[in-house]
Amino acid sequence: METPPELQNVAGDEDDVTISNREYEDESIIAVDFGPTGEKPTVDIIDETAIVTVGETQFEFDVPAGASDVTVNDGILTISG
């Protein structure tokens, strides 16, 4: 599963944001850590679009093909499929 370009742009703009991609036999996981912002990210899914809000910053991206779940847990945005 490919990391959405919008997430790559956020990571490129912010030094504290890190993205990791993991490929397993039966699952792919993209994890985005927004770093020590003091703000907890939230995610809303509308149709095939994910809307992420971190403090006053908001951005959206198309949910990758093959993704079965997009969640936030302990400040980490996780896309799995």
PDB file of N, CA and C in Angstrom:
ATOM      1  N   MET A   1       0.854  -1.166   0.000  1.00  0.00           N
ATOM      2  CA  MET A   1       0.000   0.000   0.000  1.00  0.00           C
ATOM      3  C   MET A   1       0.903   1.233   0.000  1.00  0.00           C
ATOM      4  N   GLU A   2       0.570   2.178  -0.824  1.00  0.00           N
ATOM      5  CA  GLU A   2       1.365   3.398  -0.951  1.00  0.00           C
ATOM      6  C   GLU A   2       0.899   4.465   0.035  1.00  0.00           C
ATOM      7  N   THR A   3       1.851   5.207   0.582  1.00  0.00           N
ATOM      8  CA  THR A   3       1.529   6.325   1.460  1.00  0.00           C
ATOM      9  C   THR A   3       0.913   7.435   0.623  1.00  0.00           C
ATOM     10  N   PRO A   4      -0.243   7.958   1.028  1.00  0.00           N
ATOM     11  CA  PRO A   4      -0.853   9.068   0.283  1.00  0.00           C
ATOM     12  C   PRO A   4       0.102  10.264   0.212  1.00  0.00           C
ATOM     13  N   PRO A   5       0.179  10.908  -0.953  1.00  0.00           N
ATOM     14  CA  PRO A   5       1.089  12.054  -1.104  1.00  0.00           C
ATOM     15  C   PRO A   5       0.820  13.176  -0.101  1.00  0.00           C
ATOM     16  N   GLU A   6      -0.431  13.363   0.276  1.00  0.00           N
ATOM     17  CA  GLU A   6      -0.761  14.413   1.241  1.00  0.00           C
ATOM     18  C   GLU A   6      -0.094  14.157   2.581  1.00  0.00           C
ATOM     19  N   LEU A   7       0.005  12.887   2.985  1.00  0.00           N
ATOM     20  CA  LEU A   7       0.706  12.552   4.232  1.00  0.00           C
ATOM     21  C   LEU A   7       2.198  12.773   4.087  1.00  0.00           C
ATOM     22  N   GLN A   8       2.752  12.448   2.934  1.00  0.00           N
ATOM     23  CA  GLN A   8       4.175  12.685   2.694  1.00  0.00           C
ATOM     24  C   GLN A   8       4.475  14.180   2.740  1.00  0.00           C
ATOM     25  N   ASN A   9       3.568  15.003   2.213  1.00  0.00           N
ATOM     26  CA  ASN A   9       3.756  16.454   2.243  1.00  0.00           C
ATOM     27  C   ASN A   9       3.752  16.982   3.665  1.00  0.00           C
ATOM     28  N   VAL A  10       2.830  16.483   4.502  1.00  0.00           N
ATOM     29  CA  VAL A  10       2.781  16.901   5.900  1.00  0.00           C
ATOM     30  C   VAL A  10       4.091  16.534   6.599  1.00  0.00           C
ATOM     31  N   ALA A  11       4.589  15.336   6.351  1.00  0.00           N
ATOM     32  CA  ALA A  11       5.846  14.902   6.966  1.00  0.00           C
ATOM     33  C   ALA A  11       7.010  15.751   6.472  1.00  0.00           C
ATOM     34  N   GLY A  12       6.975  16.148   5.210  1.00  0.00           N
ATOM     35  CA  GLY A  12       8.038  16.983   4.665  1.00  0.00           C
ATOM     36  C   GLY A  12       8.019  18.388   5.220  1.00  0.00           C
ATOM     37  N   ASP A  13       6.817  18.881   5.577  1.00  0.00           N
ATOM     38  CA  ASP A  13       6.677  20.237   6.109  1.00  0.00           C
ATOM     39  C   ASP A  13       6.981  20.325   7.600  1.00  0.00           C
ATOM     40  N   GLU A  14       6.813  19.241   8.311  1.00  0.00           N
ATOM     41  CA  GLU A  14       6.972  19.234   9.771  1.00  0.00           C
ATOM     42  C   GLU A  14       8.092  18.268  10.161  1.00  0.00           C
ATOM     43  N   ASP A  15       9.092  18.759  10.863  1.00  0.00           N
ATOM     44  CA  ASP A  15      10.224  17.921  11.263  1.00  0.00           C
ATOM     45  C   ASP A  15       9.835  16.808  12.233  1.00  0.00           C
ATOM     46  N   ASP A  16       8.808  17.041  13.053  1.00  0.00           N
ATOM     47  CA  ASP A  16       8.439  16.074  14.082  1.00  0.00           C
ATOM     48  C   ASP A  16       7.554  14.946  13.569  1.00  0.00           C
ATOM     49  N   VAL A  17       7.036  15.054  12.343  1.00  0.00           N
ATOM     50  CA  VAL A  17       6.135  14.038  11.797  1.00  0.00           C
ATOM     51  C   VAL A  17       6.953  12.941  11.129  1.00  0.00           C
ATOM     52  N   THR A  18       6.700  11.697  11.529  1.00  0.00           N
ATOM     53  CA  THR A  18       7.387  10.566  10.910  1.00  0.00           C
ATOM     54  C   THR A  18       6.362   9.567  10.386  1.00  0.00           C
ATOM     55  N   ILE A  19       6.716   8.959   9.261  1.00  0.00           N
ATOM     56  CA  ILE A  19       5.854   7.955   8.637  1.00  0.00           C
ATOM     57  C   ILE A  19       6.641   6.664   8.524  1.00  0.00           C
ATOM     58  N   SER A  20       5.999   5.569   8.910  1.00  0.00           N
ATOM     59  CA  SER A  20       6.632   4.267   8.711  1.00  0.00           C
ATOM     60  C   SER A  20       5.661   3.359   7.971  1.00  0.00           C
ATOM     61  N   ASN A  21       6.223   2.578   7.075  1.00  0.00           N
ATOM     62  CA  ASN A  21       5.445   1.611   6.299  1.00  0.00           C
ATOM     63  C   ASN A  21       5.945   0.221   6.648  1.00  0.00           C
ATOM     64  N   ARG A  22       5.011  -0.659   6.933  1.00  0.00           N
ATOM     65  CA  ARG A  22       5.347  -2.047   7.246  1.00  0.00           C
ATOM     66  C   ARG A  22       4.560  -2.960   6.323  1.00  0.00           C
ATOM     67  N   GLU A  23       5.231  -3.936   5.770  1.00  0.00           N
ATOM     68  CA  GLU A  23       4.591  -4.936   4.910  1.00  0.00           C
ATOM     69  C   GLU A  23       4.747  -6.302   5.575  1.00  0.00           C
ATOM     70  N   TYR A  24       3.635  -6.953   5.812  1.00  0.00           N
ATOM     71  CA  TYR A  24       3.626  -8.297   6.369  1.00  0.00           C
ATOM     72  C   TYR A  24       3.011  -9.231   5.333  1.00  0.00           C
ATOM     73  N   GLU A  25       3.016 -10.525   5.601  1.00  0.00           N
ATOM     74  CA  GLU A  25       2.468 -11.489   4.649  1.00  0.00           C
ATOM     75  C   GLU A  25       1.040 -11.170   4.252  1.00  0.00           C
ATOM     76  N   ASP A  26       0.218 -10.826   5.240  1.00  0.00           N
ATOM     77  CA  ASP A  26      -1.198 -10.638   4.957  1.00  0.00           C
ATOM     78  C   ASP A  26      -1.713  -9.236   5.288  1.00  0.00           C
ATOM     79  N   GLU A  27      -0.801  -8.276   5.541  1.00  0.00           N
ATOM     80  CA  GLU A  27      -1.245  -6.945   5.928  1.00  0.00           C
ATOM     81  C   GLU A  27      -0.179  -5.898   5.643  1.00  0.00           C
ATOM     82  N   SER A  28      -0.637  -4.716   5.263  1.00  0.00           N
ATOM     83  CA  SER A  28       0.222  -3.543   5.115  1.00  0.00           C
ATOM     84  C   SER A  28      -0.228  -2.515   6.133  1.00  0.00           C
ATOM     85  N   ILE A  29       0.735  -1.817   6.735  1.00  0.00           N
ATOM     86  CA  ILE A  29       0.403  -0.802   7.727  1.00  0.00           C
ATOM     87  C   ILE A  29       1.224   0.454   7.446  1.00  0.00           C
ATOM     88  N   ILE A  30       0.520   1.587   7.412  1.00  0.00           N
ATOM     89  CA  ILE A  30       1.158   2.895   7.343  1.00  0.00           C
ATOM     90  C   ILE A  30       0.871   3.565   8.680  1.00  0.00           C
ATOM     91  N   ALA A  31       1.918   3.977   9.394  1.00  0.00           N
ATOM     92  CA  ALA A  31       1.759   4.639  10.691  1.00  0.00           C
ATOM     93  C   ALA A  31       2.355   6.040  10.611  1.00  0.00           C
ATOM     94  N   VAL A  32       1.578   7.030  11.051  1.00  0.00           N
ATOM     95  CA  VAL A  32       2.025   8.417  11.033  1.00  0.00           C
ATOM     96  C   VAL A  32       2.027   8.936  12.466  1.00  0.00           C
ATOM     97  N   ASP A  33       3.224   9.300  12.941  1.00  0.00           N
ATOM     98  CA  ASP A  33       3.393   9.854  14.281  1.00  0.00           C
ATOM     99  C   ASP A  33       3.560  11.365  14.119  1.00  0.00           C
ATOM    100  N   PHE A  34       2.639  12.124  14.711  1.00  0.00           N
ATOM    101  CA  PHE A  34       2.656  13.575  14.557  1.00  0.00           C
ATOM    102  C   PHE A  34       3.578  14.255  15.556  1.00  0.00           C
ATOM    103  N   GLY A  35       4.303  13.482  16.343  1.00  0.00           N
ATOM    104  CA  GLY A  35       5.304  14.026  17.248  1.00  0.00           C
ATOM    105  C   GLY A  35       4.708  14.703  18.464  1.00  0.00           C
ATOM    106  N   PRO A  36       5.558  15.395  19.218  1.00  0.00           N
ATOM    107  CA  PRO A  36       5.135  15.997  20.486  1.00  0.00           C
ATOM    108  C   PRO A  36       4.444  17.352  20.302  1.00  0.00           C
ATOM    109  N   THR A  37       3.320  17.355  19.583  1.00  0.00           N
ATOM    110  CA  THR A  37       2.614  18.611  19.327  1.00  0.00           C
ATOM    111  C   THR A  37       1.802  19.070  20.531  1.00  0.00           C
ATOM    112  N   GLY A  38       1.512  18.160  21.457  1.00  0.00           N
ATOM    113  CA  GLY A  38       0.638  18.483  22.564  1.00  0.00           C
ATOM    114  C   GLY A  38      -0.825  18.354  22.173  1.00  0.00           C
ATOM    115  N   GLU A  39      -1.080  18.111  20.908  1.00  0.00           N
ATOM    116  CA  GLU A  39      -2.438  17.960  20.387  1.00  0.00           C
ATOM    117  C   GLU A  39      -2.642  16.518  19.947  1.00  0.00           C
ATOM    118  N   LYS A  40      -3.805  15.983  20.207  1.00  0.00           N
ATOM    119  CA  LYS A  40      -4.144  14.625  19.762  1.00  0.00           C
ATOM    120  C   LYS A  40      -4.807  14.712  18.389  1.00  0.00           C
ATOM    121  N   PRO A  41      -4.292  13.975  17.405  1.00  0.00           N
ATOM    122  CA  PRO A  41      -4.952  13.975  16.102  1.00  0.00           C
ATOM    123  C   PRO A  41      -6.277  13.231  16.156  1.00  0.00           C
ATOM    124  N   THR A  42      -7.192  13.635  15.297  1.00  0.00           N
ATOM    125  CA  THR A  42      -8.457  12.927  15.115  1.00  0.00           C
ATOM    126  C   THR A  42      -8.623  12.655  13.625  1.00  0.00           C
ATOM    127  N   VAL A  43      -9.408  11.643  13.299  1.00  0.00           N
ATOM    128  CA  VAL A  43      -9.667  11.320  11.900  1.00  0.00           C
ATOM    129  C   VAL A  43     -11.151  11.056  11.713  1.00  0.00           C
ATOM    130  N   ASP A  44     -11.691  11.592  10.634  1.00  0.00           N
ATOM    131  CA  ASP A  44     -13.057  11.316  10.211  1.00  0.00           C
ATOM    132  C   ASP A  44     -12.986  10.795   8.788  1.00  0.00           C
ATOM    133  N   ILE A  45     -13.774   9.777   8.503  1.00  0.00           N
ATOM    134  CA  ILE A  45     -13.822   9.213   7.156  1.00  0.00           C
ATOM    135  C   ILE A  45     -15.168   9.570   6.545  1.00  0.00           C
ATOM    136  N   ILE A  46     -15.136  10.218   5.400  1.00  0.00           N
ATOM    137  CA  ILE A  46     -16.343  10.547   4.656  1.00  0.00           C
ATOM    138  C   ILE A  46     -16.159   9.991   3.256  1.00  0.00           C
ATOM    139  N   ASP A  47     -16.994   9.009   2.930  1.00  0.00           N
ATOM    140  CA  ASP A  47     -16.865   8.262   1.681  1.00  0.00           C
ATOM    141  C   ASP A  47     -15.462   7.660   1.614  1.00  0.00           C
ATOM    142  N   GLU A  48     -14.651   8.051   0.672  1.00  0.00           N
ATOM    143  CA  GLU A  48     -13.289   7.514   0.527  1.00  0.00           C
ATOM    144  C   GLU A  48     -12.228   8.547   0.905  1.00  0.00           C
ATOM    145  N   THR A  49     -12.631   9.580   1.663  1.00  0.00           N
ATOM    146  CA  THR A  49     -11.716  10.644   2.059  1.00  0.00           C
ATOM    147  C   THR A  49     -11.537  10.636   3.569  1.00  0.00           C
ATOM    148  N   ALA A  50     -10.278  10.693   4.006  1.00  0.00           N
ATOM    149  CA  ALA A  50      -9.956  10.807   5.427  1.00  0.00           C
ATOM    150  C   ALA A  50      -9.627  12.269   5.713  1.00  0.00           C
ATOM    151  N   ILE A  51     -10.226  12.801   6.766  1.00  0.00           N
ATOM    152  CA  ILE A  51      -9.964  14.173   7.184  1.00  0.00           C
ATOM    153  C   ILE A  51      -9.286  14.105   8.554  1.00  0.00           C
ATOM    154  N   VAL A  52      -8.057  14.586   8.614  1.00  0.00           N
ATOM    155  CA  VAL A  52      -7.258  14.534   9.836  1.00  0.00           C
ATOM    156  C   VAL A  52      -7.139  15.943  10.404  1.00  0.00           C
ATOM    157  N   THR A  53      -7.371  16.066  11.704  1.00  0.00           N
ATOM    158  CA  THR A  53      -7.227  17.340  12.387  1.00  0.00           C
ATOM    159  C   THR A  53      -6.238  17.163  13.531  1.00  0.00           C
ATOM    160  N   VAL A  54      -5.241  18.049  13.568  1.00  0.00           N
ATOM    161  CA  VAL A  54      -4.263  18.072  14.659  1.00  0.00           C
ATOM    162  C   VAL A  54      -4.216  19.520  15.140  1.00  0.00           C
ATOM    163  N   GLY A  55      -4.813  19.764  16.302  1.00  0.00           N
ATOM    164  CA  GLY A  55      -4.909  21.146  16.788  1.00  0.00           C
ATOM    165  C   GLY A  55      -5.741  21.971  15.827  1.00  0.00           C
ATOM    166  N   GLU A  56      -5.162  23.036  15.305  1.00  0.00           N
ATOM    167  CA  GLU A  56      -5.853  23.896  14.347  1.00  0.00           C
ATOM    168  C   GLU A  56      -5.522  23.546  12.900  1.00  0.00           C
ATOM    169  N   THR A  57      -4.698  22.545  12.696  1.00  0.00           N
ATOM    170  CA  THR A  57      -4.310  22.128  11.350  1.00  0.00           C
ATOM    171  C   THR A  57      -5.205  20.993  10.883  1.00  0.00           C
ATOM    172  N   GLN A  58      -5.680  21.118   9.650  1.00  0.00           N
ATOM    173  CA  GLN A  58      -6.533  20.072   9.085  1.00  0.00           C
ATOM    174  C   GLN A  58      -6.066  19.782   7.665  1.00  0.00           C
ATOM    175  N   PHE A  59      -6.060  18.501   7.309  1.00  0.00           N
ATOM    176  CA  PHE A  59      -5.760  18.118   5.938  1.00  0.00           C
ATOM    177  C   PHE A  59      -6.538  16.865   5.614  1.00  0.00           C
ATOM    178  N   GLU A  60      -6.639  16.571   4.336  1.00  0.00           N
ATOM    179  CA  GLU A  60      -7.387  15.390   3.924  1.00  0.00           C
ATOM    180  C   GLU A  60      -6.611  14.632   2.866  1.00  0.00           C
ATOM    181  N   PHE A  61      -6.958  13.355   2.740  1.00  0.00           N
ATOM    182  CA  PHE A  61      -6.346  12.518   1.732  1.00  0.00           C
ATOM    183  C   PHE A  61      -7.310  11.413   1.345  1.00  0.00           C
ATOM    184  N   ASP A  62      -7.134  10.893   0.133  1.00  0.00           N
ATOM    185  CA  ASP A  62      -7.931   9.757  -0.306  1.00  0.00           C
ATOM    186  C   ASP A  62      -7.435   8.516   0.410  1.00  0.00           C
ATOM    187  N   VAL A  63      -8.367   7.736   0.957  1.00  0.00           N
ATOM    188  CA  VAL A  63      -8.000   6.486   1.610  1.00  0.00           C
ATOM    189  C   VAL A  63      -7.386   5.569   0.550  1.00  0.00           C
ATOM    190  N   PRO A  64      -6.189   5.042   0.800  1.00  0.00           N
ATOM    191  CA  PRO A  64      -5.525   4.204  -0.211  1.00  0.00           C
ATOM    192  C   PRO A  64      -6.348   2.971  -0.590  1.00  0.00           C
ATOM    193  N   ALA A  65      -6.232   2.581  -1.844  1.00  0.00           N
ATOM    194  CA  ALA A  65      -6.883   1.356  -2.297  1.00  0.00           C
ATOM    195  C   ALA A  65      -6.354   0.197  -1.463  1.00  0.00           C
ATOM    196  N   GLY A  66      -7.221  -0.657  -1.031  1.00  0.00           N
ATOM    197  CA  GLY A  66      -6.821  -1.804  -0.226  1.00  0.00           C
ATOM    198  C   GLY A  66      -6.832  -1.547   1.268  1.00  0.00           C
ATOM    199  N   ALA A  67      -7.054  -0.292   1.682  1.00  0.00           N
ATOM    200  CA  ALA A  67      -7.097  -0.002   3.117  1.00  0.00           C
ATOM    201  C   ALA A  67      -8.414  -0.505   3.692  1.00  0.00           C
ATOM    202  N   SER A  68      -8.324  -1.186   4.822  1.00  0.00           N
ATOM    203  CA  SER A  68      -9.528  -1.691   5.473  1.00  0.00           C
ATOM    204  C   SER A  68      -9.857  -0.916   6.744  1.00  0.00           C
ATOM    205  N   ASP A  69      -8.882  -0.142   7.269  1.00  0.00           N
ATOM    206  CA  ASP A  69      -9.101   0.559   8.525  1.00  0.00           C
ATOM    207  C   ASP A  69      -8.201   1.789   8.586  1.00  0.00           C
ATOM    208  N   VAL A  70      -8.765   2.915   9.015  1.00  0.00           N
ATOM    209  CA  VAL A  70      -8.005   4.147   9.255  1.00  0.00           C
ATOM    210  C   VAL A  70      -8.400   4.619  10.643  1.00  0.00           C
ATOM    211  N   THR A  71      -7.429   4.619  11.565  1.00  0.00           N
ATOM    212  CA  THR A  71      -7.730   4.965  12.957  1.00  0.00           C
ATOM    213  C   THR A  71      -6.633   5.837  13.548  1.00  0.00           C
ATOM    214  N   VAL A  72      -6.948   6.424  14.695  1.00  0.00           N
ATOM    215  CA  VAL A  72      -5.954   7.128  15.503  1.00  0.00           C
ATOM    216  C   VAL A  72      -5.968   6.484  16.874  1.00  0.00           C
ATOM    217  N   ASN A  73      -4.777   6.108  17.359  1.00  0.00           N
ATOM    218  CA  ASN A  73      -4.646   5.514  18.679  1.00  0.00           C
ATOM    219  C   ASN A  73      -3.370   6.046  19.315  1.00  0.00           C
ATOM    220  N   ASP A  74      -3.498   6.634  20.494  1.00  0.00           N
ATOM    221  CA  ASP A  74      -2.349   7.211  21.204  1.00  0.00           C
ATOM    222  C   ASP A  74      -1.562   8.195  20.337  1.00  0.00           C
ATOM    223  N   GLY A  75      -2.272   8.983  19.548  1.00  0.00           N
ATOM    224  CA  GLY A  75      -1.612  10.023  18.740  1.00  0.00           C
ATOM    225  C   GLY A  75      -1.003   9.522  17.451  1.00  0.00           C
ATOM    226  N   ILE A  76      -1.187   8.261  17.110  1.00  0.00           N
ATOM    227  CA  ILE A  76      -0.627   7.684  15.885  1.00  0.00           C
ATOM    228  C   ILE A  76      -1.775   7.389  14.912  1.00  0.00           C
ATOM    229  N   LEU A  77      -1.690   7.968  13.723  1.00  0.00           N
ATOM    230  CA  LEU A  77      -2.635   7.659  12.664  1.00  0.00           C
ATOM    231  C   LEU A  77      -2.185   6.361  12.001  1.00  0.00           C
ATOM    232  N   THR A  78      -3.064   5.388  11.920  1.00  0.00           N
ATOM    233  CA  THR A  78      -2.721   4.084  11.340  1.00  0.00           C
ATOM    234  C   THR A  78      -3.676   3.757  10.211  1.00  0.00           C
ATOM    235  N   ILE A  79      -3.096   3.392   9.074  1.00  0.00           N
ATOM    236  CA  ILE A  79      -3.862   2.922   7.919  1.00  0.00           C
ATOM    237  C   ILE A  79      -3.446   1.479   7.698  1.00  0.00           C
ATOM    238  N   SER A  80      -4.400   0.570   7.767  1.00  0.00           N
ATOM    239  CA  SER A  80      -4.054  -0.837   7.588  1.00  0.00           C
ATOM    240  C   SER A  80      -4.939  -1.455   6.515  1.00  0.00           C
ATOM    241  N   GLY A  81      -4.387  -2.472   5.907  1.00  0.00           N
ATOM    242  CA  GLY A  81      -5.144  -3.158   4.855  1.00  0.00           C
ATOM    243  C   GLY A  81      -4.447  -4.399   4.407  1.00  0.00           C
TER     244      GLY A  81
END
